[in-house]
Amino acid sequence: MSNIKIIMIPGNGGGTSSISWFNYIKEHMFVYGIEVVIKNFPDPELARKEYWFPYLDKLGVDENTILIGHSSGAVAAMKYAESHQILGSILVSACYTDLGIEEERLSGYYDDEWKWDLIKNNQKWIAQFHSTDDPFIPIEEARYIHKMLDTEYYEYNDQEHFGIYKPKLDFPEIIDILKKRLNL
């Protein structure tokens, strides 16, 4: 398993330290000898594609990499997979529109049409988490992504934005998916 790498991608508006479950994933995957990369990305406020894609390249994303993205980080993971082979991805609180928010539009992820088939075909699997009470991203966004990508889909009613206002200190569901997908 030593060639498998997991890269955690935060959302816009801040760094990875605000997402408590990132370290939970790292601690639990360390037991299996899997590297989990948790870094503060450049341009954290706007999370622009022009900075984040080269940074993902610098982190060594390849066909043995799993991208775990939260919010704008999930959008980045999907868009990155349009043009890069990865092992798989886990999308937490993802959207596919800019939601009418200028900061989201400036990221550059919504400038082009979505290439859903490429996102699916450039990885072996995709899992997705969303909550109906997310204050930022309507559930319809998540359900549409699920429909377009045929994700392994988990919908909650009480997790809000998975770690912003209601901290989710652990995320055993992600560990279960990783163990299943990696045969651990």
C-alpha atoms as a PDB file:
ATOM      1  CA  MET A   1       0.000   0.000   0.000  1.00  0.00           C
ATOM      2  CA  SER A   2       3.008   2.279   0.283  1.00  0.00           C
ATOM      3  CA  ASN A   3       2.497   3.723  -3.209  1.00  0.00           C
ATOM      4  CA  ILE A   4      -1.034   4.903  -2.353  1.00  0.00           C
ATOM      5  CA  LYS A   5      -1.296   8.544  -1.300  1.00  0.00           C
ATOM      6  CA  ILE A   6      -4.291  10.529  -0.045  1.00  0.00           C
ATOM      7  CA  ILE A   7      -4.352  14.296  -0.508  1.00  0.00           C
ATOM      8  CA  MET A   8      -6.803  16.357   1.523  1.00  0.00           C
ATOM      9  CA  ILE A   9      -8.092  19.440  -0.327  1.00  0.00           C
ATOM     10  CA  PRO A  10      -9.668  22.174   1.829  1.00  0.00           C
ATOM     11  CA  GLY A  11     -12.394  24.536   0.771  1.00  0.00           C
ATOM     12  CA  ASN A  12     -11.911  28.236   0.145  1.00  0.00           C
ATOM     13  CA  GLY A  13     -11.869  30.803   2.893  1.00  0.00           C
ATOM     14  CA  GLY A  14      -9.114  29.339   5.017  1.00  0.00           C
ATOM     15  CA  GLY A  15      -6.659  26.567   5.696  1.00  0.00           C
ATOM     16  CA  THR A  16      -6.846  22.889   6.492  1.00  0.00           C
ATOM     17  CA  SER A  17      -6.562  23.483  10.228  1.00  0.00           C
ATOM     18  CA  SER A  18     -10.234  24.473  10.335  1.00  0.00           C
ATOM     19  CA  ILE A  19     -11.319  20.988   9.235  1.00  0.00           C
ATOM     20  CA  SER A  20     -10.997  18.710  12.255  1.00  0.00           C
ATOM     21  CA  TRP A  21     -11.703  15.447  10.449  1.00  0.00           C
ATOM     22  CA  PHE A  22      -8.689  15.834   8.122  1.00  0.00           C
ATOM     23  CA  ASN A  23      -6.391  14.747  10.959  1.00  0.00           C
ATOM     24  CA  TYR A  24      -8.801  11.953  11.883  1.00  0.00           C
ATOM     25  CA  ILE A  25      -8.336  10.520   8.369  1.00  0.00           C
ATOM     26  CA  LYS A  26      -4.553  10.885   8.615  1.00  0.00           C
ATOM     27  CA  GLU A  27      -4.348   9.171  12.006  1.00  0.00           C
ATOM     28  CA  HIS A  28      -6.498   6.239  10.922  1.00  0.00           C
ATOM     29  CA  MET A  29      -4.759   5.651   7.589  1.00  0.00           C
ATOM     30  CA  PHE A  30      -1.273   5.874   9.147  1.00  0.00           C
ATOM     31  CA  VAL A  31      -1.958   2.470  10.714  1.00  0.00           C
ATOM     32  CA  TYR A  32      -2.082   0.999   7.197  1.00  0.00           C
ATOM     33  CA  GLY A  33       1.081   2.757   6.030  1.00  0.00           C
ATOM     34  CA  ILE A  34      -0.793   5.136   3.758  1.00  0.00           C
ATOM     35  CA  GLU A  35       0.516   8.665   3.423  1.00  0.00           C
ATOM     36  CA  VAL A  36      -2.096  11.374   3.983  1.00  0.00           C
ATOM     37  CA  VAL A  37      -1.020  14.826   2.845  1.00  0.00           C
ATOM     38  CA  ILE A  38      -2.556  17.732   4.737  1.00  0.00           C
ATOM     39  CA  LYS A  39      -1.200  21.073   3.568  1.00  0.00           C
ATOM     40  CA  ASN A  40      -2.472  24.616   3.480  1.00  0.00           C
ATOM     41  CA  PHE A  41      -3.002  25.366  -0.195  1.00  0.00           C
ATOM     42  CA  PRO A  42      -1.888  28.596  -1.858  1.00  0.00           C
ATOM     43  CA  ASP A  43      -4.551  31.248  -2.435  1.00  0.00           C
ATOM     44  CA  PRO A  44      -6.700  29.897   0.436  1.00  0.00           C
ATOM     45  CA  GLU A  45      -9.373  32.604   0.311  1.00  0.00           C
ATOM     46  CA  LEU A  46     -10.394  32.159  -3.342  1.00  0.00           C
ATOM     47  CA  ALA A  47      -9.010  28.653  -4.052  1.00  0.00           C
ATOM     48  CA  ARG A  48      -8.355  29.564  -7.668  1.00  0.00           C
ATOM     49  CA  LYS A  49      -7.740  26.780 -10.142  1.00  0.00           C
ATOM     50  CA  GLU A  50      -4.742  28.611 -11.622  1.00  0.00           C
ATOM     51  CA  TYR A  51      -2.907  28.125  -8.305  1.00  0.00           C
ATOM     52  CA  TRP A  52      -4.421  24.907  -7.036  1.00  0.00           C
ATOM     53  CA  PHE A  53      -3.864  22.686 -10.099  1.00  0.00           C
ATOM     54  CA  PRO A  54      -0.101  23.403 -10.226  1.00  0.00           C
ATOM     55  CA  TYR A  55       0.019  22.833  -6.467  1.00  0.00           C
ATOM     56  CA  LEU A  56      -1.701  19.447  -6.834  1.00  0.00           C
ATOM     57  CA  ASP A  57       0.860  18.616  -9.538  1.00  0.00           C
ATOM     58  CA  LYS A  58       3.644  19.642  -7.124  1.00  0.00           C
ATOM     59  CA  LEU A  59       2.180  17.327  -4.473  1.00  0.00           C
ATOM     60  CA  GLY A  60       2.603  14.463  -6.936  1.00  0.00           C
ATOM     61  CA  VAL A  61      -0.964  13.508  -7.778  1.00  0.00           C
ATOM     62  CA  ASP A  62      -0.991  10.416  -9.982  1.00  0.00           C
ATOM     63  CA  GLU A  63      -3.002   7.249 -10.682  1.00  0.00           C
ATOM     64  CA  ASN A  64      -2.251   6.022  -7.120  1.00  0.00           C
ATOM     65  CA  THR A  65      -3.675   9.149  -5.462  1.00  0.00           C
ATOM     66  CA  ILE A  66      -7.009   9.551  -3.723  1.00  0.00           C
ATOM     67  CA  LEU A  67      -8.272  13.124  -3.512  1.00  0.00           C
ATOM     68  CA  ILE A  68     -10.516  13.973  -0.564  1.00  0.00           C
ATOM     69  CA  GLY A  69     -12.036  17.396  -1.076  1.00  0.00           C
ATOM     70  CA  HIS A  70     -14.229  19.469   1.206  1.00  0.00           C
ATOM     71  CA  SER A  71     -16.530  22.126  -0.296  1.00  0.00           C
ATOM     72  CA  SER A  72     -14.514  24.067  -2.894  1.00  0.00           C
ATOM     73  CA  GLY A  73     -11.867  21.400  -2.449  1.00  0.00           C
ATOM     74  CA  ALA A  74     -14.381  18.815  -3.698  1.00  0.00           C
ATOM     75  CA  VAL A  75     -15.022  21.005  -6.745  1.00  0.00           C
ATOM     76  CA  ALA A  76     -11.255  21.180  -7.318  1.00  0.00           C
ATOM     77  CA  ALA A  77     -11.007  17.382  -7.058  1.00  0.00           C
ATOM     78  CA  MET A  78     -13.730  16.903  -9.678  1.00  0.00           C
ATOM     79  CA  LYS A  79     -12.266  19.460 -12.084  1.00  0.00           C
ATOM     80  CA  TYR A  80      -8.746  18.081 -11.631  1.00  0.00           C
ATOM     81  CA  ALA A  81     -10.030  14.602 -12.521  1.00  0.00           C
ATOM     82  CA  GLU A  82     -11.313  15.931 -15.854  1.00  0.00           C
ATOM     83  CA  SER A  83      -7.723  15.994 -17.099  1.00  0.00           C
ATOM     84  CA  HIS A  84      -5.741  13.756 -14.719  1.00  0.00           C
ATOM     85  CA  GLN A  85      -5.806  10.057 -13.866  1.00  0.00           C
ATOM     86  CA  ILE A  86      -6.321   9.437 -10.145  1.00  0.00           C
ATOM     87  CA  LEU A  87      -7.214   6.352  -8.136  1.00  0.00           C
ATOM     88  CA  GLY A  88     -10.428   7.739  -6.634  1.00  0.00           C
ATOM     89  CA  SER A  89     -12.021  10.640  -4.834  1.00  0.00           C
ATOM     90  CA  ILE A  90     -14.219  11.460  -1.881  1.00  0.00           C
ATOM     91  CA  LEU A  91     -16.338  14.582  -2.268  1.00  0.00           C
ATOM     92  CA  VAL A  92     -17.679  16.242   0.888  1.00  0.00           C
ATOM     93  CA  SER A  93     -20.174  19.119   0.487  1.00  0.00           C
ATOM     94  CA  ALA A  94     -19.559  19.482  -3.252  1.00  0.00           C
ATOM     95  CA  CYS A  95     -21.336  21.777  -5.690  1.00  0.00           C
ATOM     96  CA  TYR A  96     -21.251  22.171  -9.469  1.00  0.00           C
ATOM     97  CA  THR A  97     -22.402  25.801  -9.825  1.00  0.00           C
ATOM     98  CA  ASP A  98     -20.934  28.978  -8.397  1.00  0.00           C
ATOM     99  CA  LEU A  99     -24.162  29.391  -6.388  1.00  0.00           C
ATOM    100  CA  GLY A 100     -24.290  33.027  -7.490  1.00  0.00           C
ATOM    101  CA  ILE A 101     -21.334  33.815  -5.218  1.00  0.00           C
ATOM    102  CA  GLU A 102     -18.645  36.044  -6.700  1.00  0.00           C
ATOM    103  CA  GLU A 103     -15.805  34.397  -4.729  1.00  0.00           C
ATOM    104  CA  GLU A 104     -16.843  30.996  -6.099  1.00  0.00           C
ATOM    105  CA  ARG A 105     -17.032  32.315  -9.659  1.00  0.00           C
ATOM    106  CA  LEU A 106     -13.526  33.760  -9.378  1.00  0.00           C
ATOM    107  CA  SER A 107     -12.102  30.297  -8.637  1.00  0.00           C
ATOM    108  CA  GLY A 108     -12.234  29.459 -12.349  1.00  0.00           C
ATOM    109  CA  TYR A 109     -13.840  26.045 -11.822  1.00  0.00           C
ATOM    110  CA  TYR A 110     -17.121  27.113 -13.375  1.00  0.00           C
ATOM    111  CA  ASP A 111     -15.743  28.767 -16.529  1.00  0.00           C
ATOM    112  CA  ASP A 112     -16.046  25.624 -18.659  1.00  0.00           C
ATOM    113  CA  GLU A 113     -18.714  22.985 -19.113  1.00  0.00           C
ATOM    114  CA  TRP A 114     -18.442  20.014 -16.793  1.00  0.00           C
ATOM    115  CA  LYS A 115     -16.932  16.925 -18.442  1.00  0.00           C
ATOM    116  CA  TRP A 116     -18.748  14.363 -16.322  1.00  0.00           C
ATOM    117  CA  ASP A 117     -17.632  11.349 -18.377  1.00  0.00           C
ATOM    118  CA  LEU A 118     -13.972  12.309 -18.037  1.00  0.00           C
ATOM    119  CA  ILE A 119     -14.328  12.817 -14.273  1.00  0.00           C
ATOM    120  CA  LYS A 120     -15.796   9.304 -14.001  1.00  0.00           C
ATOM    121  CA  ASN A 121     -13.437   7.602 -16.433  1.00  0.00           C
ATOM    122  CA  ASN A 122     -10.238   9.114 -15.023  1.00  0.00           C
ATOM    123  CA  GLN A 123     -10.691   7.343 -11.689  1.00  0.00           C
ATOM    124  CA  LYS A 124     -11.852   3.973 -10.425  1.00  0.00           C
ATOM    125  CA  TRP A 125     -14.430   5.198  -7.902  1.00  0.00           C
ATOM    126  CA  ILE A 126     -16.056   8.273  -6.374  1.00  0.00           C
ATOM    127  CA  ALA A 127     -17.774   8.561  -2.995  1.00  0.00           C
ATOM    128  CA  GLN A 128     -19.806  11.567  -1.933  1.00  0.00           C
ATOM    129  CA  PHE A 129     -21.158  13.031   1.324  1.00  0.00           C
ATOM    130  CA  HIS A 130     -23.652  15.840   1.772  1.00  0.00           C
ATOM    131  CA  SER A 131     -26.143  17.045   4.368  1.00  0.00           C
ATOM    132  CA  THR A 132     -29.620  18.404   3.734  1.00  0.00           C
ATOM    133  CA  ASP A 133     -29.016  21.140   6.332  1.00  0.00           C
ATOM    134  CA  ASP A 134     -25.837  22.481   4.670  1.00  0.00           C
ATOM    135  CA  PRO A 135     -26.142  26.283   5.016  1.00  0.00           C
ATOM    136  CA  PHE A 136     -23.980  26.968   1.942  1.00  0.00           C
ATOM    137  CA  ILE A 137     -24.700  24.300  -0.668  1.00  0.00           C
ATOM    138  CA  PRO A 138     -28.258  23.203  -1.435  1.00  0.00           C
ATOM    139  CA  ILE A 139     -28.863  19.460  -1.438  1.00  0.00           C
ATOM    140  CA  GLU A 140     -29.950  19.651  -5.099  1.00  0.00           C
ATOM    141  CA  GLU A 141     -26.348  20.405  -6.041  1.00  0.00           C
ATOM    142  CA  ALA A 142     -25.134  17.200  -4.385  1.00  0.00           C
ATOM    143  CA  ARG A 143     -27.932  15.086  -5.830  1.00  0.00           C
ATOM    144  CA  TYR A 144     -27.149  16.340  -9.334  1.00  0.00           C
ATOM    145  CA  ILE A 145     -23.454  15.477  -8.948  1.00  0.00           C
ATOM    146  CA  HIS A 146     -24.452  12.037  -7.699  1.00  0.00           C
ATOM    147  CA  LYS A 147     -26.669  11.565 -10.746  1.00  0.00           C
ATOM    148  CA  MET A 148     -23.992  12.706 -13.201  1.00  0.00           C
ATOM    149  CA  LEU A 149     -21.114  10.743 -11.653  1.00  0.00           C
ATOM    150  CA  ASP A 150     -22.990   7.752 -10.224  1.00  0.00           C
ATOM    151  CA  THR A 151     -21.157   8.259  -6.931  1.00  0.00           C
ATOM    152  CA  GLU A 152     -21.338   6.085  -3.866  1.00  0.00           C
ATOM    153  CA  TYR A 153     -23.652   8.569  -2.149  1.00  0.00           C
ATOM    154  CA  TYR A 154     -24.294   9.306   1.536  1.00  0.00           C
ATOM    155  CA  GLU A 155     -26.864  11.902   2.538  1.00  0.00           C
ATOM    156  CA  TYR A 156     -27.235  13.177   6.089  1.00  0.00           C
ATOM    157  CA  ASN A 157     -29.764  15.491   7.713  1.00  0.00           C
ATOM    158  CA  ASP A 158     -27.671  16.854  10.577  1.00  0.00           C
ATOM    159  CA  GLN A 159     -24.057  17.494   9.514  1.00  0.00           C
ATOM    160  CA  GLU A 160     -24.422  21.000   8.039  1.00  0.00           C
ATOM    161  CA  HIS A 161     -21.167  21.755   6.146  1.00  0.00           C
ATOM    162  CA  PHE A 162     -19.167  18.907   7.727  1.00  0.00           C
ATOM    163  CA  GLY A 163     -16.961  20.781  10.087  1.00  0.00           C
ATOM    164  CA  ILE A 164     -17.528  24.515   9.763  1.00  0.00           C
ATOM    165  CA  TYR A 165     -20.305  25.371  12.234  1.00  0.00           C
ATOM    166  CA  LYS A 166     -20.919  21.904  13.598  1.00  0.00           C
ATOM    167  CA  PRO A 167     -17.521  20.284  13.975  1.00  0.00           C
ATOM    168  CA  LYS A 168     -17.370  16.688  12.833  1.00  0.00           C
ATOM    169  CA  LEU A 169     -14.342  15.568  14.818  1.00  0.00           C
ATOM    170  CA  ASP A 170     -14.265  12.118  13.300  1.00  0.00           C
ATOM    171  CA  PHE A 171     -15.418  10.637  10.022  1.00  0.00           C
ATOM    172  CA  PRO A 172     -15.470   6.830  10.331  1.00  0.00           C
ATOM    173  CA  GLU A 173     -17.579   6.583   7.176  1.00  0.00           C
ATOM    174  CA  ILE A 174     -14.626   7.807   5.118  1.00  0.00           C
ATOM    175  CA  ILE A 175     -12.308   5.331   6.816  1.00  0.00           C
ATOM    176  CA  ASP A 176     -14.774   2.527   5.996  1.00  0.00           C
ATOM    177  CA  ILE A 177     -14.830   3.546   2.316  1.00  0.00           C
ATOM    178  CA  LEU A 178     -11.040   3.743   2.143  1.00  0.00           C
ATOM    179  CA  LYS A 179     -10.639   0.339   3.812  1.00  0.00           C
ATOM    180  CA  LYS A 180     -13.152  -1.201   1.418  1.00  0.00           C
ATOM    181  CA  ARG A 181     -11.729   0.407  -1.727  1.00  0.00           C
ATOM    182  CA  LEU A 182      -8.123  -0.361  -0.777  1.00  0.00           C
ATOM    183  CA  ASN A 183      -8.851  -3.879   0.509  1.00  0.00           C
ATOM    184  CA  LEU A 184      -7.449  -3.100   3.962  1.00  0.00           C
END
